[in-house]
Amino acid sequence: MDGASRGSFLGLHTRDPSLNVLYVSNGCRTALGFEPSHIIGAQVYDFVYEQNAGDYMGIYKRHPTVDGELEDEDDADVYCWFTNLKNAAGGAVLHKLVSMKIDDIVIFMCAAYPEATYQIHNELKVQKIDSKGVKEDLNVTQKMKSARHKRGTSHEYNPALYRTRNRQAKAAFILENHCTHTEISPDFRVTGPLIAYCTNTNRVIEADTSDLASYPFLKLVAPEDLLHVTKFYERLVESTDVQFERFSLLYQPHVISGDIVISEEDNRRVVVECLGSAVKDGVVLLLRKLCIAPPPKRDTMGNFIRASIAPDSEGDDGGLSLFDLLSDDPNTTDARDSWTLMD
């Protein structure tokens, strides 16, 4: 699936008060009219059209869980809301934003709705859906004003904001564009694009980020999915679209020379879903872990059989799919039964 018929892009920014943009995909040209080079290195605040854009950082603070403990930073929540972003002409364009905290960075996906009429969000009304499917209309603005009054402040920020209660292990990758680096090695196309940047990988597979620098990404992919992922990568570098795929990684890839090698027959698979998009020198990927599955069987030719595998007891059962987050309907809240209003 792609999400760029209306203009969409992926990016990474820091999770500190500076909110510096680290990467942004080429789709920002269609959505906002800016070149990626104009956005990279700038602050997120510079592109939020709404009043009190400085409150944006507050979204990524750690929130208490049901038992009062702070949420696990490694299994961060997913956020979805609508806001107006500044375009190159200085105007406002409505965007749907989906963002996720991964270690000390935030990865975000933006989809533009240029046909929507700009309006100031003086009062925000959203819908909450509980686990039984019961819908409840909530005036978030009034609730936030009440909370601010109790804290003795009138600072105002009105995003349509939801977060998932369920934990979801995720990792982010930046891959080099192998089409621009073929001079490095004659077998570079065989090994595939190298990993230029990654974070949180040990939450998805048994490999630390420090060991994956300049490592071929395709060597992390299960053999039955190599062709599938290669075609997915080629689609990404040929387009500005944000696209979705599902594939499997090796749970214990042979990353460090001298370590024990786990055979493909014995190496379990990590089923992931992925959002990807092209950046200047390669692609950016967001991977969400779905489940851990046993190695597949081989066919009569000795090849592993590629199959769709349902999540098992070891998997994450949050029920929130990255595919669902790419909804083209600006009127949907994407508030599934696993979502709740964020206070």
Protein backbone atom coordinates (compact mmCIF):
# COMPACT_ATOMS: atom_id res chain seq x y z
CA MET A 1 0.00 0.00 0.00
CA ASP A 2 1.12 3.56 -0.57
CA GLY A 3 -0.17 6.70 1.08
CA ALA A 4 1.12 9.46 -1.13
CA SER A 5 -1.70 10.08 -3.60
CA ARG A 6 -2.37 13.14 -1.48
CA GLY A 7 1.25 13.66 -0.33
CA SER A 8 2.78 11.70 2.55
CA PHE A 9 6.19 11.34 4.10
CA LEU A 10 8.16 9.65 6.89
CA GLY A 11 10.74 11.25 9.13
CA LEU A 12 12.75 11.08 12.33
CA HIS A 13 13.32 13.82 14.89
CA THR A 14 15.07 13.98 18.25
CA ARG A 15 13.12 13.44 21.43
CA ASP A 16 14.64 16.35 23.35
CA PRO A 17 13.38 19.95 23.66
CA SER A 18 15.16 20.93 20.42
CA LEU A 19 13.07 18.47 18.31
CA ASN A 20 15.61 18.61 15.48
CA VAL A 21 14.59 16.78 12.29
CA LEU A 22 17.14 14.03 11.55
CA TYR A 23 15.65 12.59 8.37
CA VAL A 24 12.62 13.26 6.20
CA SER A 25 11.51 11.39 3.10
CA ASN A 26 11.10 12.89 -0.35
CA GLY A 27 7.31 12.99 -0.11
CA CYS A 28 7.57 16.29 1.80
CA ARG A 29 7.95 17.97 -1.61
CA THR A 30 4.41 16.96 -2.58
CA ALA A 31 2.86 17.48 0.85
CA LEU A 32 4.46 20.80 1.83
CA GLY A 33 6.48 22.05 -1.14
CA PHE A 34 9.75 21.95 0.81
CA GLU A 35 12.91 20.15 -0.28
CA PRO A 36 14.06 17.58 2.31
CA SER A 37 17.28 19.57 2.75
CA HIS A 38 15.21 22.55 3.96
CA ILE A 39 13.56 20.48 6.71
CA ILE A 40 16.48 18.31 7.85
CA GLY A 41 18.31 20.04 10.67
CA ALA A 42 15.42 22.41 11.39
CA GLN A 43 13.12 22.16 14.40
CA VAL A 44 9.67 20.60 14.27
CA TYR A 45 8.24 23.77 15.85
CA ASP A 46 9.13 25.70 12.67
CA PHE A 47 6.56 23.75 10.66
CA VAL A 48 3.59 23.57 13.05
CA TYR A 49 1.02 26.21 12.06
CA GLU A 50 -1.11 25.88 15.18
CA GLN A 51 -0.77 28.26 18.12
CA ASN A 52 1.48 27.17 20.98
CA ALA A 53 3.50 24.79 18.80
CA GLY A 54 5.99 24.63 21.66
CA ASP A 55 3.66 22.24 23.47
CA TYR A 56 4.38 19.59 20.83
CA MET A 57 7.18 18.17 23.00
CA GLY A 58 4.65 17.42 25.74
CA ILE A 59 3.21 14.61 23.64
CA TYR A 60 6.34 12.54 24.11
CA LYS A 61 6.67 12.70 27.87
CA ARG A 62 6.42 9.42 29.73
CA HIS A 63 2.85 8.68 30.83
CA PRO A 64 1.82 6.61 33.86
CA THR A 65 0.32 3.20 33.17
CA VAL A 66 -2.79 1.76 34.80
CA ASP A 67 -0.79 0.60 37.84
CA GLY A 68 0.84 4.01 38.26
CA GLU A 69 4.23 3.03 36.86
CA LEU A 70 5.78 5.03 34.03
CA GLU A 71 5.40 3.48 30.58
CA ASP A 72 8.21 1.33 29.21
CA GLU A 73 10.38 3.54 27.00
CA ASP A 74 11.31 0.64 24.73
CA ASP A 75 7.70 -0.38 24.05
CA ALA A 76 6.42 3.13 23.34
CA ASP A 77 2.88 4.04 22.39
CA VAL A 78 1.50 5.15 19.03
CA TYR A 79 -0.04 8.59 18.62
CA CYS A 80 -2.44 9.86 15.96
CA TRP A 81 -3.91 13.33 15.54
CA PHE A 82 -4.68 16.08 13.04
CA THR A 83 -2.91 19.42 12.87
CA ASN A 84 -2.04 22.17 10.41
CA LEU A 85 1.52 22.34 9.08
CA LYS A 86 3.15 25.25 7.26
CA ASN A 87 3.85 24.80 3.57
CA ALA A 88 6.50 26.50 1.44
CA ALA A 89 4.07 29.29 0.50
CA GLY A 90 3.50 30.13 4.17
CA GLY A 91 -0.01 28.71 4.25
CA ALA A 92 -1.59 26.02 6.42
CA VAL A 93 -2.22 22.45 5.20
CA LEU A 94 -4.16 19.96 7.30
CA HIS A 95 -2.12 16.82 8.03
CA LYS A 96 -2.81 13.56 9.74
CA LEU A 97 0.19 12.69 11.92
CA VAL A 98 1.14 9.29 13.30
CA SER A 99 4.20 9.18 15.54
CA MET A 100 6.01 6.64 17.70
CA LYS A 101 8.74 6.97 20.32
CA ILE A 102 11.74 4.71 19.73
CA ASP A 103 14.62 5.15 22.19
CA ASP A 104 15.64 8.80 22.11
CA ILE A 105 14.07 9.58 18.74
CA VAL A 106 10.55 9.93 17.33
CA ILE A 107 9.56 8.50 13.95
CA PHE A 108 6.57 10.14 12.30
CA MET A 109 4.35 9.71 9.26
CA CYS A 110 2.44 12.69 7.82
CA ALA A 111 -0.37 12.59 5.25
CA ALA A 112 -1.56 15.88 3.73
CA TYR A 113 -5.17 16.92 3.07
CA PRO A 114 -4.73 20.09 0.97
CA GLU A 115 -8.40 20.08 -0.03
CA ALA A 116 -9.46 20.60 3.59
CA THR A 117 -10.34 24.18 4.53
CA TYR A 118 -8.05 25.67 7.17
CA GLN A 119 -9.78 26.45 10.43
CA ILE A 120 -8.54 27.36 13.89
CA HIS A 121 -9.21 24.55 16.35
CA ASN A 122 -10.70 26.56 19.21
CA GLU A 123 -12.53 23.53 20.52
CA LEU A 124 -11.72 19.92 19.87
CA LYS A 125 -14.30 17.15 20.02
CA VAL A 126 -13.24 13.53 19.61
CA GLN A 127 -14.70 10.10 20.06
CA LYS A 128 -13.55 7.44 22.50
CA ILE A 129 -14.25 3.78 21.76
CA ASP A 130 -13.95 1.30 24.63
CA SER A 131 -13.14 -2.41 24.48
CA LYS A 132 -16.82 -3.30 23.98
CA GLY A 133 -17.21 -0.94 21.03
CA VAL A 134 -19.22 1.61 23.03
CA LYS A 135 -18.64 5.12 21.66
CA GLU A 136 -18.41 8.16 23.87
CA ASP A 137 -18.15 11.75 22.63
CA LEU A 138 -15.57 13.78 24.53
CA ASN A 139 -14.79 17.49 24.46
CA VAL A 140 -11.03 17.30 24.78
CA THR A 141 -10.55 21.07 24.84
CA GLN A 142 -12.77 21.49 27.88
CA LYS A 143 -11.06 18.58 29.60
CA MET A 144 -7.60 20.02 28.94
CA LYS A 145 -8.69 23.50 30.04
CA SER A 146 -9.99 22.02 33.27
CA ALA A 147 -6.69 20.21 33.84
CA ARG A 148 -4.71 23.37 33.12
CA HIS A 149 -6.92 25.36 35.49
CA LYS A 150 -6.12 22.88 38.26
CA ARG A 151 -2.42 23.32 37.52
CA GLY A 152 -2.81 27.11 37.54
CA THR A 153 -1.94 27.68 33.86
CA SER A 154 -3.88 28.75 30.79
CA HIS A 155 -1.37 27.44 28.23
CA GLU A 156 -3.40 25.96 25.38
CA TYR A 157 -2.81 23.18 22.88
CA ASN A 158 -5.57 21.22 21.18
CA PRO A 159 -4.37 18.21 19.18
CA ALA A 160 -6.80 15.40 18.37
CA LEU A 161 -4.70 12.91 20.22
CA TYR A 162 -5.02 9.20 20.93
CA ARG A 163 -2.51 6.68 22.18
CA THR A 164 -2.54 2.90 22.33
CA ARG A 165 -2.59 1.20 25.70
CA ASN A 166 -0.85 -1.88 24.33
CA ARG A 167 2.90 -2.12 24.05
CA GLN A 168 4.41 -2.56 20.61
CA ALA A 169 8.08 -3.31 19.98
CA LYS A 170 9.39 -1.23 17.08
CA ALA A 171 12.71 -0.43 15.39
CA ALA A 172 13.79 2.22 12.90
CA PHE A 173 16.34 1.85 10.08
CA ILE A 174 17.94 4.14 7.52
CA LEU A 175 19.34 2.16 4.57
CA GLU A 176 21.79 3.45 1.99
CA ASN A 177 20.71 3.62 -1.64
CA HIS A 178 22.65 0.77 -3.27
CA CYS A 179 22.08 2.32 -6.71
CA THR A 180 24.46 5.17 -5.79
CA HIS A 181 27.12 3.01 -4.13
CA THR A 182 27.72 0.19 -6.62
CA GLU A 183 31.37 1.19 -6.88
CA ILE A 184 31.97 0.03 -3.30
CA SER A 185 31.91 -3.66 -4.10
CA PRO A 186 31.04 -5.78 -7.14
CA ASP A 187 28.71 -7.91 -5.00
CA PHE A 188 26.99 -4.93 -3.37
CA ARG A 189 23.75 -5.56 -5.25
CA VAL A 190 23.74 -9.15 -4.01
CA THR A 191 24.18 -8.22 -0.37
CA GLY A 192 21.76 -5.31 -0.71
CA PRO A 193 21.70 -1.89 0.93
CA LEU A 194 23.85 -1.27 3.99
CA ILE A 195 22.40 -0.03 7.28
CA ALA A 196 23.38 3.61 7.78
CA TYR A 197 21.42 4.11 11.02
CA CYS A 198 19.22 2.01 13.29
CA THR A 199 17.73 2.12 16.75
CA ASN A 200 15.90 -0.23 19.12
CA THR A 201 16.81 -3.33 17.08
CA ASN A 202 17.36 -5.50 20.17
CA ARG A 203 13.63 -5.20 20.93
CA VAL A 204 12.81 -6.92 17.63
CA ILE A 205 15.71 -9.30 16.88
CA GLU A 206 18.79 -10.51 18.77
CA ALA A 207 21.18 -7.87 17.42
CA ASP A 208 22.41 -4.64 18.98
CA THR A 209 22.45 -1.39 17.05
CA SER A 210 26.21 -1.06 17.60
CA ASP A 211 26.79 -4.30 15.67
CA LEU A 212 24.63 -3.38 12.68
CA ALA A 213 26.45 -0.29 11.40
CA SER A 214 27.25 -0.81 7.68
CA TYR A 215 25.73 -4.30 7.88
CA PRO A 216 23.73 -5.52 4.83
CA PHE A 217 20.05 -5.28 5.72
CA LEU A 218 19.09 -8.25 3.54
CA LYS A 219 21.22 -10.52 5.76
CA LEU A 220 18.68 -9.86 8.51
CA VAL A 221 15.81 -10.99 6.28
CA ALA A 222 14.53 -14.58 6.32
CA PRO A 223 15.60 -16.41 3.11
CA GLU A 224 12.01 -17.07 2.01
CA ASP A 225 11.38 -13.30 2.02
CA LEU A 226 14.57 -12.08 0.31
CA LEU A 227 13.01 -11.61 -3.13
CA HIS A 228 9.90 -10.03 -1.61
CA VAL A 229 11.89 -7.49 0.42
CA THR A 230 14.23 -6.73 -2.49
CA LYS A 231 11.24 -5.80 -4.66
CA PHE A 232 9.79 -3.73 -1.82
CA TYR A 233 13.07 -1.82 -1.51
CA GLU A 234 13.18 -1.17 -5.26
CA ARG A 235 9.64 0.22 -5.14
CA LEU A 236 10.67 2.57 -2.34
CA VAL A 237 13.69 4.06 -4.12
CA GLU A 238 11.62 4.62 -7.27
CA SER A 239 8.81 6.50 -5.50
CA THR A 240 8.14 9.25 -2.96
CA ASP A 241 5.21 7.30 -1.51
CA VAL A 242 4.97 5.93 2.02
CA GLN A 243 4.41 2.21 1.47
CA PHE A 244 3.48 -0.79 3.61
CA GLU A 245 4.77 -4.37 3.60
CA ARG A 246 4.91 -7.42 5.85
CA PHE A 247 7.84 -9.84 5.96
CA SER A 248 10.04 -11.93 8.28
CA LEU A 249 13.47 -11.38 9.81
CA LEU A 250 15.82 -13.96 11.29
CA TYR A 251 15.48 -13.92 15.06
CA GLN A 252 19.20 -14.66 15.53
CA PRO A 253 21.08 -13.28 12.52
CA HIS A 254 24.82 -14.01 12.26
CA VAL A 255 26.07 -10.47 12.74
CA ILE A 256 29.35 -10.86 14.64
CA SER A 257 32.15 -12.97 13.14
CA GLY A 258 33.05 -15.83 15.46
CA ASP A 259 29.63 -16.09 17.09
CA ILE A 260 27.71 -19.36 16.96
CA VAL A 261 25.85 -19.65 13.67
CA ILE A 262 22.19 -20.65 13.95
CA SER A 263 21.15 -22.59 10.85
CA GLU A 264 18.22 -21.32 8.81
CA GLU A 265 16.32 -24.52 9.68
CA ASP A 266 16.63 -23.76 13.40
CA ASN A 267 16.46 -19.97 13.30
CA ARG A 268 13.05 -18.70 14.32
CA ARG A 269 11.38 -15.92 12.32
CA VAL A 270 10.27 -12.51 13.54
CA VAL A 271 7.23 -11.42 11.55
CA VAL A 272 7.20 -7.63 11.15
CA GLU A 273 5.13 -5.05 9.36
CA CYS A 274 6.93 -2.12 7.82
CA LEU A 275 6.33 1.44 6.68
CA GLY A 276 8.98 2.66 4.25
CA SER A 277 9.76 5.73 2.18
CA ALA A 278 12.67 7.13 0.16
CA VAL A 279 15.08 9.68 1.61
CA LYS A 280 17.85 11.50 -0.27
CA ASP A 281 20.44 8.75 -0.02
CA GLY A 282 18.30 5.66 0.57
CA VAL A 283 15.17 4.69 2.49
CA VAL A 284 13.78 5.04 6.00
CA LEU A 285 11.98 2.04 7.52
CA LEU A 286 9.77 1.65 10.57
CA LEU A 287 9.41 -1.99 11.66
CA ARG A 288 6.82 -3.18 14.13
CA LYS A 289 7.17 -6.68 15.60
CA LEU A 290 4.07 -8.83 15.15
CA CYS A 291 5.15 -12.23 16.44
CA ILE A 292 7.88 -14.86 16.62
CA ALA A 293 7.22 -17.93 14.45
CA PRO A 294 8.99 -21.27 13.89
CA PRO A 295 11.06 -21.73 10.71
CA PRO A 296 8.86 -22.63 7.72
CA LYS A 297 8.96 -25.96 5.92
CA ARG A 298 10.75 -26.47 2.61
CA ASP A 299 9.10 -27.28 -0.72
CA THR A 300 10.09 -30.15 -3.03
CA MET A 301 12.87 -27.97 -4.49
CA GLY A 302 14.37 -27.39 -1.05
CA ASN A 303 13.27 -23.77 -0.76
CA PHE A 304 11.60 -22.40 2.34
CA ILE A 305 7.87 -21.85 1.84
CA ARG A 306 6.80 -18.25 2.32
CA ALA A 307 3.49 -18.13 4.18
CA SER A 308 1.34 -15.72 6.13
CA ILE A 309 1.67 -16.52 9.82
CA ALA A 310 -0.84 -15.50 12.45
CA PRO A 311 0.54 -14.05 15.71
CA ASP A 312 1.10 -16.65 18.42
CA SER A 313 1.40 -16.48 22.18
CA GLU A 314 4.84 -14.89 21.88
CA GLY A 315 3.57 -12.10 19.68
CA ASP A 316 2.34 -8.62 20.40
CA ASP A 317 -1.46 -8.72 20.49
CA GLY A 318 -2.07 -4.97 20.48
CA GLY A 319 -4.25 -5.21 17.39
CA LEU A 320 -3.02 -1.92 15.94
CA SER A 321 -1.68 -2.27 12.40
CA LEU A 322 0.58 0.23 10.66
CA PHE A 323 -1.58 -0.43 7.60
CA ASP A 324 -4.60 0.95 9.48
CA LEU A 325 -2.67 4.10 10.37
CA LEU A 326 -2.38 4.97 6.67
CA SER A 327 -6.13 5.50 6.33
CA ASP A 328 -6.94 7.99 3.56
CA ASP A 329 -10.09 9.25 5.29
CA PRO A 330 -9.39 12.49 7.24
CA ASN A 331 -12.64 12.06 9.18
CA THR A 332 -11.63 8.79 10.81
CA THR A 333 -10.18 8.87 14.30
CA ASP A 334 -8.50 5.48 13.95
CA ALA A 335 -9.64 4.96 17.54
CA ARG A 336 -9.84 1.20 17.59
CA ASP A 337 -10.96 -0.74 20.64
CA SER A 338 -7.37 -0.79 21.91
CA TRP A 339 -7.08 3.01 21.89
CA THR A 340 -7.91 5.50 24.62
CA LEU A 341 -7.97 9.26 25.00
CA MET A 342 -4.65 10.66 26.21
CA ASP A 343 -4.96 12.94 29.22
